[in-house]
Amino acid sequence: MDIKSLAINLRVLRESKHLKQEYIAEQIGVSPATYSKIENGKIKLSTVRLQQIAHVLRVPISTLFSERKETFSTDLEETIRLQRQQLLERDQKIVEFEQERARSIEREQYLLNYIKILELQTK
């Protein structure tokens, strides 16, 4: 794949994820102007830089070299599936935290009541 095709793929993937060039540039440690040159095919990329970009875009590095649009949609669907799973896991942790918090409040209330009873008995 030539550098121009790679550059087009980078732009298409970034736009499909509604990300700005400035965001990608910041994440991979380059200036926005440099990243713009990357998407315009004016800079040859190292493997490390390609891996960084793929990581920010949350796609396998092979997707950057894909010539088929179906791969983009498949990867996007996989990204959405993974993000949904992460949200479900986060929501479950929130529910567990709230349940533990409620139990803690109940224990605290029980102890406060017990202390009041003890105080009344000692008077």
PDB file of N, CA and C in Angstrom:
ATOM      1  N   MET A   1       0.851  -1.181   0.000  1.00  0.00           N
ATOM      2  CA  MET A   1       0.000   0.000   0.000  1.00  0.00           C
ATOM      3  C   MET A   1       0.889   1.235   0.000  1.00  0.00           C
ATOM      4  N   ASP A   2       0.523   2.190  -0.831  1.00  0.00           N
ATOM      5  CA  ASP A   2       1.332   3.405  -0.880  1.00  0.00           C
ATOM      6  C   ASP A   2       0.939   4.367   0.246  1.00  0.00           C
ATOM      7  N   ILE A   3       1.778   5.357   0.444  1.00  0.00           N
ATOM      8  CA  ILE A   3       1.595   6.288   1.563  1.00  0.00           C
ATOM      9  C   ILE A   3       0.307   7.102   1.420  1.00  0.00           C
ATOM     10  N   LYS A   4      -0.087   7.410   0.185  1.00  0.00           N
ATOM     11  CA  LYS A   4      -1.325   8.185  -0.022  1.00  0.00           C
ATOM     12  C   LYS A   4      -2.551   7.378   0.403  1.00  0.00           C
ATOM     13  N   SER A   5      -2.573   6.096   0.056  1.00  0.00           N
ATOM     14  CA  SER A   5      -3.704   5.241   0.444  1.00  0.00           C
ATOM     15  C   SER A   5      -3.767   5.096   1.960  1.00  0.00           C
ATOM     16  N   LEU A   6      -2.608   4.936   2.571  1.00  0.00           N
ATOM     17  CA  LEU A   6      -2.554   4.855   4.032  1.00  0.00           C
ATOM     18  C   LEU A   6      -3.079   6.151   4.646  1.00  0.00           C
ATOM     19  N   ALA A   7      -2.658   7.270   4.100  1.00  0.00           N
ATOM     20  CA  ALA A   7      -3.096   8.573   4.612  1.00  0.00           C
ATOM     21  C   ALA A   7      -4.615   8.717   4.509  1.00  0.00           C
ATOM     22  N   ILE A   8      -5.170   8.277   3.394  1.00  0.00           N
ATOM     23  CA  ILE A   8      -6.631   8.346   3.212  1.00  0.00           C
ATOM     24  C   ILE A   8      -7.320   7.468   4.254  1.00  0.00           C
ATOM     25  N   ASN A   9      -6.793   6.262   4.454  1.00  0.00           N
ATOM     26  CA  ASN A   9      -7.374   5.374   5.470  1.00  0.00           C
ATOM     27  C   ASN A   9      -7.350   6.017   6.847  1.00  0.00           C
ATOM     28  N   LEU A  10      -6.245   6.674   7.174  1.00  0.00           N
ATOM     29  CA  LEU A  10      -6.145   7.336   8.483  1.00  0.00           C
ATOM     30  C   LEU A  10      -7.237   8.396   8.638  1.00  0.00           C
ATOM     31  N   ARG A  11      -7.412   9.191   7.598  1.00  0.00           N
ATOM     32  CA  ARG A  11      -8.426  10.241   7.659  1.00  0.00           C
ATOM     33  C   ARG A  11      -9.831   9.651   7.770  1.00  0.00           C
ATOM     34  N   VAL A  12     -10.118   8.647   6.941  1.00  0.00           N
ATOM     35  CA  VAL A  12     -11.445   8.028   6.944  1.00  0.00           C
ATOM     36  C   VAL A  12     -11.739   7.409   8.313  1.00  0.00           C
ATOM     37  N   LEU A  13     -10.780   6.690   8.849  1.00  0.00           N
ATOM     38  CA  LEU A  13     -10.971   6.073  10.175  1.00  0.00           C
ATOM     39  C   LEU A  13     -11.174   7.127  11.251  1.00  0.00           C
ATOM     40  N   ARG A  14     -10.338   8.160  11.226  1.00  0.00           N
ATOM     41  CA  ARG A  14     -10.456   9.222  12.242  1.00  0.00           C
ATOM     42  C   ARG A  14     -11.822   9.883  12.168  1.00  0.00           C
ATOM     43  N   GLU A  15     -12.240  10.209  10.952  1.00  0.00           N
ATOM     44  CA  GLU A  15     -13.535  10.867  10.788  1.00  0.00           C
ATOM     45  C   GLU A  15     -14.692   9.946  11.159  1.00  0.00           C
ATOM     46  N   SER A  16     -14.552   8.654  10.884  1.00  0.00           N
ATOM     47  CA  SER A  16     -15.625   7.715  11.228  1.00  0.00           C
ATOM     48  C   SER A  16     -15.812   7.622  12.743  1.00  0.00           C
ATOM     49  N   LYS A  17     -14.765   7.966  13.473  1.00  0.00           N
ATOM     50  CA  LYS A  17     -14.835   7.934  14.936  1.00  0.00           C
ATOM     51  C   LYS A  17     -15.070   9.325  15.524  1.00  0.00           C
ATOM     52  N   HIS A  18     -15.306  10.280  14.637  1.00  0.00           N
ATOM     53  CA  HIS A  18     -15.611  11.667  15.032  1.00  0.00           C
ATOM     54  C   HIS A  18     -14.497  12.265  15.897  1.00  0.00           C
ATOM     55  N   LEU A  19     -13.265  12.004  15.497  1.00  0.00           N
ATOM     56  CA  LEU A  19     -12.117  12.551  16.216  1.00  0.00           C
ATOM     57  C   LEU A  19     -11.484  13.661  15.384  1.00  0.00           C
ATOM     58  N   LYS A  20     -10.882  14.611  16.067  1.00  0.00           N
ATOM     59  CA  LYS A  20     -10.209  15.708  15.380  1.00  0.00           C
ATOM     60  C   LYS A  20      -8.732  15.390  15.223  1.00  0.00           C
ATOM     61  N   GLN A  21      -8.133  15.980  14.203  1.00  0.00           N
ATOM     62  CA  GLN A  21      -6.696  15.799  13.996  1.00  0.00           C
ATOM     63  C   GLN A  21      -5.911  16.227  15.235  1.00  0.00           C
ATOM     64  N   GLU A  22      -6.347  17.299  15.858  1.00  0.00           N
ATOM     65  CA  GLU A  22      -5.641  17.814  17.035  1.00  0.00           C
ATOM     66  C   GLU A  22      -5.614  16.778  18.161  1.00  0.00           C
ATOM     67  N   TYR A  23      -6.715  16.054  18.306  1.00  0.00           N
ATOM     68  CA  TYR A  23      -6.790  15.031  19.351  1.00  0.00           C
ATOM     69  C   TYR A  23      -5.789  13.912  19.078  1.00  0.00           C
ATOM     70  N   ILE A  24      -5.778  13.409  17.845  1.00  0.00           N
ATOM     71  CA  ILE A  24      -4.852  12.334  17.496  1.00  0.00           C
ATOM     72  C   ILE A  24      -3.419  12.825  17.689  1.00  0.00           C
ATOM     73  N   ALA A  25      -3.137  14.035  17.217  1.00  0.00           N
ATOM     74  CA  ALA A  25      -1.784  14.594  17.345  1.00  0.00           C
ATOM     75  C   ALA A  25      -1.344  14.628  18.801  1.00  0.00           C
ATOM     76  N   GLU A  26      -2.222  15.110  19.662  1.00  0.00           N
ATOM     77  CA  GLU A  26      -1.899  15.191  21.090  1.00  0.00           C
ATOM     78  C   GLU A  26      -1.633  13.804  21.671  1.00  0.00           C
ATOM     79  N   GLN A  27      -2.468  12.841  21.299  1.00  0.00           N
ATOM     80  CA  GLN A  27      -2.342  11.491  21.843  1.00  0.00           C
ATOM     81  C   GLN A  27      -1.050  10.799  21.422  1.00  0.00           C
ATOM     82  N   ILE A  28      -0.569  11.100  20.225  1.00  0.00           N
ATOM     83  CA  ILE A  28       0.649  10.421  19.754  1.00  0.00           C
ATOM     84  C   ILE A  28       1.898  11.287  19.919  1.00  0.00           C
ATOM     85  N   GLY A  29       1.725  12.491  20.459  1.00  0.00           N
ATOM     86  CA  GLY A  29       2.878  13.333  20.784  1.00  0.00           C
ATOM     87  C   GLY A  29       3.503  14.080  19.617  1.00  0.00           C
ATOM     88  N   VAL A  30       2.656  14.521  18.692  1.00  0.00           N
ATOM     89  CA  VAL A  30       3.153  15.349  17.591  1.00  0.00           C
ATOM     90  C   VAL A  30       2.302  16.609  17.518  1.00  0.00           C
ATOM     91  N   SER A  31       2.774  17.574  16.776  1.00  0.00           N
ATOM     92  CA  SER A  31       1.997  18.803  16.607  1.00  0.00           C
ATOM     93  C   SER A  31       0.837  18.539  15.648  1.00  0.00           C
ATOM     94  N   PRO A  32      -0.222  19.355  15.750  1.00  0.00           N
ATOM     95  CA  PRO A  32      -1.327  19.207  14.795  1.00  0.00           C
ATOM     96  C   PRO A  32      -0.863  19.368  13.340  1.00  0.00           C
ATOM     97  N   ALA A  33       0.104  20.242  13.118  1.00  0.00           N
ATOM     98  CA  ALA A  33       0.622  20.435  11.748  1.00  0.00           C
ATOM     99  C   ALA A  33       1.293  19.157  11.243  1.00  0.00           C
ATOM    100  N   THR A  34       2.050  18.511  12.118  1.00  0.00           N
ATOM    101  CA  THR A  34       2.709  17.259  11.733  1.00  0.00           C
ATOM    102  C   THR A  34       1.674  16.190  11.432  1.00  0.00           C
ATOM    103  N   TYR A  35       0.637  16.089  12.285  1.00  0.00           N
ATOM    104  CA  TYR A  35      -0.380  15.074  12.029  1.00  0.00           C
ATOM    105  C   TYR A  35      -1.122  15.366  10.729  1.00  0.00           C
ATOM    106  N   SER A  36      -1.350  16.623  10.436  1.00  0.00           N
ATOM    107  CA  SER A  36      -1.990  16.995   9.174  1.00  0.00           C
ATOM    108  C   SER A  36      -1.150  16.506   7.994  1.00  0.00           C
ATOM    109  N   LYS A  37       0.160  16.648   8.113  1.00  0.00           N
ATOM    110  CA  LYS A  37       1.055  16.156   7.057  1.00  0.00           C
ATOM    111  C   LYS A  37       0.964  14.639   6.936  1.00  0.00           C
ATOM    112  N   ILE A  38       0.789  13.955   8.070  1.00  0.00           N
ATOM    113  CA  ILE A  38       0.635  12.494   8.038  1.00  0.00           C
ATOM    114  C   ILE A  38      -0.606  12.131   7.229  1.00  0.00           C
ATOM    115  N   GLU A  39      -1.725  12.810   7.517  1.00  0.00           N
ATOM    116  CA  GLU A  39      -2.973  12.498   6.803  1.00  0.00           C
ATOM    117  C   GLU A  39      -2.958  12.963   5.348  1.00  0.00           C
ATOM    118  N   ASN A  40      -2.022  13.826   5.018  1.00  0.00           N
ATOM    119  CA  ASN A  40      -1.896  14.261   3.630  1.00  0.00           C
ATOM    120  C   ASN A  40      -0.838  13.458   2.878  1.00  0.00           C
ATOM    121  N   GLY A  41      -0.282  12.450   3.544  1.00  0.00           N
ATOM    122  CA  GLY A  41       0.686  11.573   2.896  1.00  0.00           C
ATOM    123  C   GLY A  41       2.038  12.204   2.664  1.00  0.00           C
ATOM    124  N   LYS A  42       2.380  13.208   3.444  1.00  0.00           N
ATOM    125  CA  LYS A  42       3.656  13.904   3.250  1.00  0.00           C
ATOM    126  C   LYS A  42       4.743  13.424   4.210  1.00  0.00           C
ATOM    127  N   ILE A  43       4.363  12.546   5.142  1.00  0.00           N
ATOM    128  CA  ILE A  43       5.332  12.026   6.112  1.00  0.00           C
ATOM    129  C   ILE A  43       5.243  10.512   6.112  1.00  0.00           C
ATOM    130  N   LYS A  44       6.389   9.878   6.022  1.00  0.00           N
ATOM    131  CA  LYS A  44       6.456   8.420   6.109  1.00  0.00           C
ATOM    132  C   LYS A  44       6.418   8.051   7.590  1.00  0.00           C
ATOM    133  N   LEU A  45       5.630   7.034   7.919  1.00  0.00           N
ATOM    134  CA  LEU A  45       5.426   6.678   9.321  1.00  0.00           C
ATOM    135  C   LEU A  45       6.236   5.462   9.733  1.00  0.00           C
ATOM    136  N   SER A  46       6.750   5.516  10.955  1.00  0.00           N
ATOM    137  CA  SER A  46       7.430   4.349  11.524  1.00  0.00           C
ATOM    138  C   SER A  46       6.384   3.364  12.026  1.00  0.00           C
ATOM    139  N   THR A  47       6.815   2.164  12.261  1.00  0.00           N
ATOM    140  CA  THR A  47       5.916   1.141  12.810  1.00  0.00           C
ATOM    141  C   THR A  47       5.385   1.576  14.169  1.00  0.00           C
ATOM    142  N   VAL A  48       6.250   2.162  14.973  1.00  0.00           N
ATOM    143  CA  VAL A  48       5.834   2.621  16.307  1.00  0.00           C
ATOM    144  C   VAL A  48       4.743   3.671  16.183  1.00  0.00           C
ATOM    145  N   ARG A  49       4.920   4.616  15.280  1.00  0.00           N
ATOM    146  CA  ARG A  49       3.925   5.680  15.091  1.00  0.00           C
ATOM    147  C   ARG A  49       2.608   5.086  14.581  1.00  0.00           C
ATOM    148  N   LEU A  50       2.690   4.128  13.677  1.00  0.00           N
ATOM    149  CA  LEU A  50       1.477   3.469  13.185  1.00  0.00           C
ATOM    150  C   LEU A  50       0.755   2.751  14.324  1.00  0.00           C
ATOM    151  N   GLN A  51       1.507   2.101  15.196  1.00  0.00           N
ATOM    152  CA  GLN A  51       0.908   1.418  16.343  1.00  0.00           C
ATOM    153  C   GLN A  51       0.230   2.427  17.272  1.00  0.00           C
ATOM    154  N   GLN A  52       0.862   3.574  17.475  1.00  0.00           N
ATOM    155  CA  GLN A  52       0.266   4.610  18.328  1.00  0.00           C
ATOM    156  C   GLN A  52      -1.061   5.093  17.741  1.00  0.00           C
ATOM    157  N   ILE A  53      -1.060   5.348  16.456  1.00  0.00           N
ATOM    158  CA  ILE A  53      -2.281   5.837  15.804  1.00  0.00           C
ATOM    159  C   ILE A  53      -3.372   4.778  15.870  1.00  0.00           C
ATOM    160  N   ALA A  54      -3.022   3.529  15.588  1.00  0.00           N
ATOM    161  CA  ALA A  54      -4.005   2.444  15.653  1.00  0.00           C
ATOM    162  C   ALA A  54      -4.583   2.346  17.059  1.00  0.00           C
ATOM    163  N   HIS A  55      -3.720   2.509  18.067  1.00  0.00           N
ATOM    164  CA  HIS A  55      -4.182   2.446  19.463  1.00  0.00           C
ATOM    165  C   HIS A  55      -5.181   3.572  19.750  1.00  0.00           C
ATOM    166  N   VAL A  56      -4.866   4.780  19.330  1.00  0.00           N
ATOM    167  CA  VAL A  56      -5.769   5.913  19.560  1.00  0.00           C
ATOM    168  C   VAL A  56      -7.095   5.704  18.828  1.00  0.00           C
ATOM    169  N   LEU A  57      -7.019   5.149  17.620  1.00  0.00           N
ATOM    170  CA  LEU A  57      -8.232   4.895  16.844  1.00  0.00           C
ATOM    171  C   LEU A  57      -8.962   3.635  17.305  1.00  0.00           C
ATOM    172  N   ARG A  58      -8.314   2.879  18.183  1.00  0.00           N
ATOM    173  CA  ARG A  58      -8.875   1.633  18.719  1.00  0.00           C
ATOM    174  C   ARG A  58      -9.202   0.633  17.612  1.00  0.00           C
ATOM    175  N   VAL A  59      -8.219   0.451  16.739  1.00  0.00           N
ATOM    176  CA  VAL A  59      -8.349  -0.533  15.668  1.00  0.00           C
ATOM    177  C   VAL A  59      -7.056  -1.329  15.589  1.00  0.00           C
ATOM    178  N   PRO A  60      -7.124  -2.543  15.044  1.00  0.00           N
ATOM    179  CA  PRO A  60      -5.882  -3.279  14.799  1.00  0.00           C
ATOM    180  C   PRO A  60      -5.055  -2.536  13.756  1.00  0.00           C
ATOM    181  N   ILE A  61      -3.745  -2.643  13.855  1.00  0.00           N
ATOM    182  CA  ILE A  61      -2.883  -1.926  12.912  1.00  0.00           C
ATOM    183  C   ILE A  61      -3.175  -2.334  11.473  1.00  0.00           C
ATOM    184  N   SER A  62      -3.605  -3.578  11.271  1.00  0.00           N
ATOM    185  CA  SER A  62      -3.913  -4.058   9.913  1.00  0.00           C
ATOM    186  C   SER A  62      -5.032  -3.241   9.270  1.00  0.00           C
ATOM    187  N   THR A  63      -5.919  -2.684  10.084  1.00  0.00           N
ATOM    188  CA  THR A  63      -7.024  -1.882   9.557  1.00  0.00           C
ATOM    189  C   THR A  63      -6.508  -0.631   8.850  1.00  0.00           C
ATOM    190  N   LEU A  64      -5.379  -0.118   9.321  1.00  0.00           N
ATOM    191  CA  LEU A  64      -4.817   1.081   8.688  1.00  0.00           C
ATOM    192  C   LEU A  64      -4.427   0.815   7.237  1.00  0.00           C
ATOM    193  N   PHE A  65      -4.145  -0.461   6.935  1.00  0.00           N
ATOM    194  CA  PHE A  65      -3.710  -0.829   5.595  1.00  0.00           C
ATOM    195  C   PHE A  65      -4.824  -1.451   4.760  1.00  0.00           C
ATOM    196  N   SER A  66      -6.019  -1.521   5.319  1.00  0.00           N
ATOM    197  CA  SER A  66      -7.124  -2.171   4.634  1.00  0.00           C
ATOM    198  C   SER A  66      -7.557  -1.356   3.428  1.00  0.00           C
ATOM    199  N   GLU A  67      -7.874  -2.071   2.375  1.00  0.00           N
ATOM    200  CA  GLU A  67      -8.372  -1.393   1.175  1.00  0.00           C
ATOM    201  C   GLU A  67      -9.871  -1.569   1.027  1.00  0.00           C
ATOM    202  N   ARG A  68     -10.485  -2.280   1.966  1.00  0.00           N
ATOM    203  CA  ARG A  68     -11.917  -2.540   1.881  1.00  0.00           C
ATOM    204  C   ARG A  68     -12.655  -1.735   2.933  1.00  0.00           C
ATOM    205  N   LYS A  69     -13.693  -1.066   2.531  1.00  0.00           N
ATOM    206  CA  LYS A  69     -14.498  -0.290   3.461  1.00  0.00           C
ATOM    207  C   LYS A  69     -15.245  -1.182   4.441  1.00  0.00           C
ATOM    208  N   GLU A  70     -15.545  -2.436   4.027  1.00  0.00           N
ATOM    209  CA  GLU A  70     -16.252  -3.333   4.940  1.00  0.00           C
ATOM    210  C   GLU A  70     -15.448  -3.557   6.213  1.00  0.00           C
ATOM    211  N   THR A  71     -14.124  -3.597   6.066  1.00  0.00           N
ATOM    212  CA  THR A  71     -13.269  -3.811   7.232  1.00  0.00           C
ATOM    213  C   THR A  71     -13.440  -2.661   8.215  1.00  0.00           C
ATOM    214  N   PHE A  72     -13.545  -1.444   7.698  1.00  0.00           N
ATOM    215  CA  PHE A  72     -13.740  -0.299   8.573  1.00  0.00           C
ATOM    216  C   PHE A  72     -15.031  -0.442   9.368  1.00  0.00           C
ATOM    217  N   SER A  73     -16.108  -0.819   8.675  1.00  0.00           N
ATOM    218  CA  SER A  73     -17.382  -0.931   9.385  1.00  0.00           C
ATOM    219  C   SER A  73     -17.348  -2.087  10.373  1.00  0.00           C
ATOM    220  N   THR A  74     -16.681  -3.188  10.006  1.00  0.00           N
ATOM    221  CA  THR A  74     -16.556  -4.315  10.921  1.00  0.00           C
ATOM    222  C   THR A  74     -15.763  -3.909  12.153  1.00  0.00           C
ATOM    223  N   ASP A  75     -14.668  -3.203  11.937  1.00  0.00           N
ATOM    224  CA  ASP A  75     -13.859  -2.743  13.071  1.00  0.00           C
ATOM    225  C   ASP A  75     -14.636  -1.740  13.923  1.00  0.00           C
ATOM    226  N   LEU A  76     -15.414  -0.905  13.277  1.00  0.00           N
ATOM    227  CA  LEU A  76     -16.222   0.054  14.018  1.00  0.00           C
ATOM    228  C   LEU A  76     -17.265  -0.678  14.851  1.00  0.00           C
ATOM    229  N   GLU A  77     -17.888  -1.695  14.276  1.00  0.00           N
ATOM    230  CA  GLU A  77     -18.858  -2.488  15.024  1.00  0.00           C
ATOM    231  C   GLU A  77     -18.196  -3.175  16.215  1.00  0.00           C
ATOM    232  N   GLU A  78     -16.997  -3.688  16.015  1.00  0.00           N
ATOM    233  CA  GLU A  78     -16.257  -4.334  17.108  1.00  0.00           C
ATOM    234  C   GLU A  78     -15.912  -3.318  18.194  1.00  0.00           C
ATOM    235  N   THR A  79     -15.513  -2.134  17.775  1.00  0.00           N
ATOM    236  CA  THR A  79     -15.205  -1.070  18.738  1.00  0.00           C
ATOM    237  C   THR A  79     -16.450  -0.716  19.546  1.00  0.00           C
ATOM    238  N   ILE A  80     -17.573  -0.594  18.879  1.00  0.00           N
ATOM    239  CA  ILE A  80     -18.834  -0.286  19.569  1.00  0.00           C
ATOM    240  C   ILE A  80     -19.192  -1.401  20.537  1.00  0.00           C
ATOM    241  N   ARG A  81     -19.034  -2.653  20.106  1.00  0.00           N
ATOM    242  CA  ARG A  81     -19.330  -3.792  20.976  1.00  0.00           C
ATOM    243  C   ARG A  81     -18.443  -3.766  22.229  1.00  0.00           C
ATOM    244  N   LEU A  82     -17.157  -3.500  22.039  1.00  0.00           N
ATOM    245  CA  LEU A  82     -16.234  -3.451  23.176  1.00  0.00           C
ATOM    246  C   LEU A  82     -16.578  -2.294  24.120  1.00  0.00           C
ATOM    247  N   GLN A  83     -16.930  -1.154  23.556  1.00  0.00           N
ATOM    248  CA  GLN A  83     -17.283  -0.010  24.390  1.00  0.00           C
ATOM    249  C   GLN A  83     -18.572  -0.270  25.166  1.00  0.00           C
ATOM    250  N   ARG A  84     -19.527  -0.937  24.529  1.00  0.00           N
ATOM    251  CA  ARG A  84     -20.764  -1.297  25.245  1.00  0.00           C
ATOM    252  C   ARG A  84     -20.453  -2.226  26.407  1.00  0.00           C
ATOM    253  N   GLN A  85     -19.572  -3.214  26.152  1.00  0.00           N
ATOM    254  CA  GLN A  85     -19.179  -4.149  27.204  1.00  0.00           C
ATOM    255  C   GLN A  85     -18.507  -3.410  28.358  1.00  0.00           C
ATOM    256  N   GLN A  86     -17.634  -2.471  28.029  1.00  0.00           N
ATOM    257  CA  GLN A  86     -16.961  -1.689  29.066  1.00  0.00           C
ATOM    258  C   GLN A  86     -17.968  -0.871  29.865  1.00  0.00           C
ATOM    259  N   LEU A  87     -18.960  -0.313  29.185  1.00  0.00           N
ATOM    260  CA  LEU A  87     -19.991   0.462  29.880  1.00  0.00           C
ATOM    261  C   LEU A  87     -20.821  -0.435  30.799  1.00  0.00           C
ATOM    262  N   LEU A  88     -21.151  -1.631  30.329  1.00  0.00           N
ATOM    263  CA  LEU A  88     -21.904  -2.563  31.165  1.00  0.00           C
ATOM    264  C   LEU A  88     -21.100  -2.948  32.411  1.00  0.00           C
ATOM    265  N   GLU A  89     -19.817  -3.208  32.223  1.00  0.00           N
ATOM    266  CA  GLU A  89     -18.959  -3.553  33.358  1.00  0.00           C
ATOM    267  C   GLU A  89     -18.864  -2.383  34.341  1.00  0.00           C
ATOM    268  N   ARG A  90     -18.731  -1.174  33.805  1.00  0.00           N
ATOM    269  CA  ARG A  90     -18.667   0.010  34.664  1.00  0.00           C
ATOM    270  C   ARG A  90     -19.976   0.191  35.428  1.00  0.00           C
ATOM    271  N   ASP A  91     -21.099   0.007  34.721  1.00  0.00           N
ATOM    272  CA  ASP A  91     -22.399   0.129  35.372  1.00  0.00           C
ATOM    273  C   ASP A  91     -22.561  -0.905  36.480  1.00  0.00           C
ATOM    274  N   GLN A  92     -22.076  -2.122  36.245  1.00  0.00           N
ATOM    275  CA  GLN A  92     -22.151  -3.164  37.269  1.00  0.00           C
ATOM    276  C   GLN A  92     -21.330  -2.772  38.493  1.00  0.00           C
ATOM    277  N   LYS A  93     -20.157  -2.198  38.267  1.00  0.00           N
ATOM    278  CA  LYS A  93     -19.320  -1.751  39.390  1.00  0.00           C
ATOM    279  C   LYS A  93     -20.014  -0.634  40.168  1.00  0.00           C
ATOM    280  N   ILE A  94     -20.695   0.239  39.460  1.00  0.00           N
ATOM    281  CA  ILE A  94     -21.429   1.324  40.122  1.00  0.00           C
ATOM    282  C   ILE A  94     -22.548   0.751  40.977  1.00  0.00           C
ATOM    283  N   VAL A  95     -23.277  -0.217  40.441  1.00  0.00           N
ATOM    284  CA  VAL A  95     -24.359  -0.858  41.196  1.00  0.00           C
ATOM    285  C   VAL A  95     -23.793  -1.527  42.449  1.00  0.00           C
ATOM    286  N   GLU A  96     -22.690  -2.250  42.296  1.00  0.00           N
ATOM    287  CA  GLU A  96     -22.073  -2.918  43.444  1.00  0.00           C
ATOM    288  C   GLU A  96     -21.612  -1.896  44.484  1.00  0.00           C
ATOM    289  N   PHE A  97     -21.036  -0.799  44.028  1.00  0.00           N
ATOM    290  CA  PHE A  97     -20.600   0.249  44.939  1.00  0.00           C
ATOM    291  C   PHE A  97     -21.794   0.832  45.696  1.00  0.00           C
ATOM    292  N   GLU A  98     -22.856   1.118  44.987  1.00  0.00           N
ATOM    293  CA  GLU A  98     -24.045   1.691  45.626  1.00  0.00           C
ATOM    294  C   GLU A  98     -24.658   0.717  46.631  1.00  0.00           C
ATOM    295  N   GLN A  99     -24.637  -0.567  46.308  1.00  0.00           N
ATOM    296  CA  GLN A  99     -25.153  -1.562  47.247  1.00  0.00           C
ATOM    297  C   GLN A  99     -24.292  -1.607  48.505  1.00  0.00           C
ATOM    298  N   GLU A 100     -22.988  -1.581  48.347  1.00  0.00           N
ATOM    299  CA  GLU A 100     -22.084  -1.586  49.497  1.00  0.00           C
ATOM    300  C   GLU A 100     -22.256  -0.307  50.314  1.00  0.00           C
ATOM    301  N   ARG A 101     -22.449   0.798  49.627  1.00  0.00           N
ATOM    302  CA  ARG A 101     -22.666   2.077  50.317  1.00  0.00           C
ATOM    303  C   ARG A 101     -23.949   2.016  51.151  1.00  0.00           C
ATOM    304  N   ALA A 102     -25.007   1.445  50.582  1.00  0.00           N
ATOM    305  CA  ALA A 102     -26.264   1.310  51.311  1.00  0.00           C
ATOM    306  C   ALA A 102     -26.083   0.422  52.534  1.00  0.00           C
ATOM    307  N   ARG A 103     -25.330  -0.674  52.390  1.00  0.00           N
ATOM    308  CA  ARG A 103     -25.071  -1.545  53.541  1.00  0.00           C
ATOM    309  C   ARG A 103     -24.269  -0.810  54.611  1.00  0.00           C
ATOM    310  N   SER A 104     -23.323   0.003  54.189  1.00  0.00           N
ATOM    311  CA  SER A 104     -22.516   0.772  55.140  1.00  0.00           C
ATOM    312  C   SER A 104     -23.380   1.772  55.906  1.00  0.00           C
ATOM    313  N   ILE A 105     -24.295   2.402  55.208  1.00  0.00           N
ATOM    314  CA  ILE A 105     -25.201   3.357  55.852  1.00  0.00           C
ATOM    315  C   ILE A 105     -26.082   2.632  56.864  1.00  0.00           C
ATOM    316  N   GLU A 106     -26.574   1.454  56.476  1.00  0.00           N
ATOM    317  CA  GLU A 106     -27.391   0.658  57.405  1.00  0.00           C
ATOM    318  C   GLU A 106     -26.586   0.273  58.646  1.00  0.00           C
ATOM    319  N   ARG A 107     -25.323  -0.156  58.454  1.00  0.00           N
ATOM    320  CA  ARG A 107     -24.474  -0.520  59.596  1.00  0.00           C
ATOM    321  C   ARG A 107     -24.219   0.685  60.487  1.00  0.00           C
ATOM    322  N   GLU A 108     -23.976   1.813  59.854  1.00  0.00           N
ATOM    323  CA  GLU A 108     -23.731   3.031  60.620  1.00  0.00           C
ATOM    324  C   GLU A 108     -24.963   3.403  61.440  1.00  0.00           C
ATOM    325  N   GLN A 109     -26.128   3.328  60.817  1.00  0.00           N
ATOM    326  CA  GLN A 109     -27.364   3.649  61.527  1.00  0.00           C
ATOM    327  C   GLN A 109     -27.594   2.681  62.683  1.00  0.00           C
ATOM    328  N   TYR A 110     -27.325   1.393  62.463  1.00  0.00           N
ATOM    329  CA  TYR A 110     -27.459   0.389  63.508  1.00  0.00           C
ATOM    330  C   TYR A 110     -26.536   0.727  64.680  1.00  0.00           C
ATOM    331  N   LEU A 111     -25.284   1.066  64.378  1.00  0.00           N
ATOM    332  CA  LEU A 111     -24.328   1.399  65.445  1.00  0.00           C
ATOM    333  C   LEU A 111     -24.746   2.659  66.204  1.00  0.00           C
ATOM    334  N   LEU A 112     -25.244   3.644  65.487  1.00  0.00           N
ATOM    335  CA  LEU A 112     -25.701   4.867  66.162  1.00  0.00           C
ATOM    336  C   LEU A 112     -26.869   4.567  67.104  1.00  0.00           C
ATOM    337  N   ASN A 113     -27.793   3.753  66.636  1.00  0.00           N
ATOM    338  CA  ASN A 113     -28.917   3.363  67.487  1.00  0.00           C
ATOM    339  C   ASN A 113     -28.429   2.585  68.709  1.00  0.00           C
ATOM    340  N   TYR A 114     -27.482   1.696  68.507  1.00  0.00           N
ATOM    341  CA  TYR A 114     -26.933   0.906  69.602  1.00  0.00           C
ATOM    342  C   TYR A 114     -26.253   1.812  70.629  1.00  0.00           C
ATOM    343  N   ILE A 115     -25.522   2.793  70.150  1.00  0.00           N
ATOM    344  CA  ILE A 115     -24.864   3.745  71.050  1.00  0.00           C
ATOM    345  C   ILE A 115     -25.913   4.520  71.855  1.00  0.00           C
ATOM    346  N   LYS A 116     -26.991   4.926  71.215  1.00  0.00           N
ATOM    347  CA  LYS A 116     -28.058   5.643  71.929  1.00  0.00           C
ATOM    348  C   LYS A 116     -28.669   4.776  73.009  1.00  0.00           C
ATOM    349  N   ILE A 117     -28.886   3.501  72.700  1.00  0.00           N
ATOM    350  CA  ILE A 117     -29.438   2.576  73.694  1.00  0.00           C
ATOM    351  C   ILE A 117     -28.495   2.443  74.875  1.00  0.00           C
ATOM    352  N   LEU A 118     -27.199   2.300  74.589  1.00  0.00           N
ATOM    353  CA  LEU A 118     -26.209   2.199  75.670  1.00  0.00           C
ATOM    354  C   LEU A 118     -26.175   3.456  76.514  1.00  0.00           C
ATOM    355  N   GLU A 119     -26.270   4.597  75.881  1.00  0.00           N
ATOM    356  CA  GLU A 119     -26.264   5.856  76.616  1.00  0.00           C
ATOM    357  C   GLU A 119     -27.488   5.959  77.517  1.00  0.00           C
ATOM    358  N   LEU A 120     -28.636   5.525  77.009  1.00  0.00           N
ATOM    359  CA  LEU A 120     -29.851   5.562  77.823  1.00  0.00           C
ATOM    360  C   LEU A 120     -29.765   4.605  78.999  1.00  0.00           C
ATOM    361  N   GLN A 121     -29.130   3.468  78.810  1.00  0.00           N
ATOM    362  CA  GLN A 121     -29.004   2.489  79.875  1.00  0.00           C
ATOM    363  C   GLN A 121     -28.027   2.953  80.965  1.00  0.00           C
ATOM    364  N   THR A 122     -27.047   3.740  80.598  1.00  0.00           N
ATOM    365  CA  THR A 122     -26.066   4.202  81.597  1.00  0.00           C
ATOM    366  C   THR A 122     -26.548   5.422  82.357  1.00  0.00           C
ATOM    367  N   LYS A 123     -27.617   6.015  81.983  1.00  0.00           N
ATOM    368  CA  LYS A 123     -28.122   7.209  82.689  1.00  0.00           C
ATOM    369  C   LYS A 123     -28.951   6.849  83.856  1.00  0.00           C
TER     370      LYS A 123
END
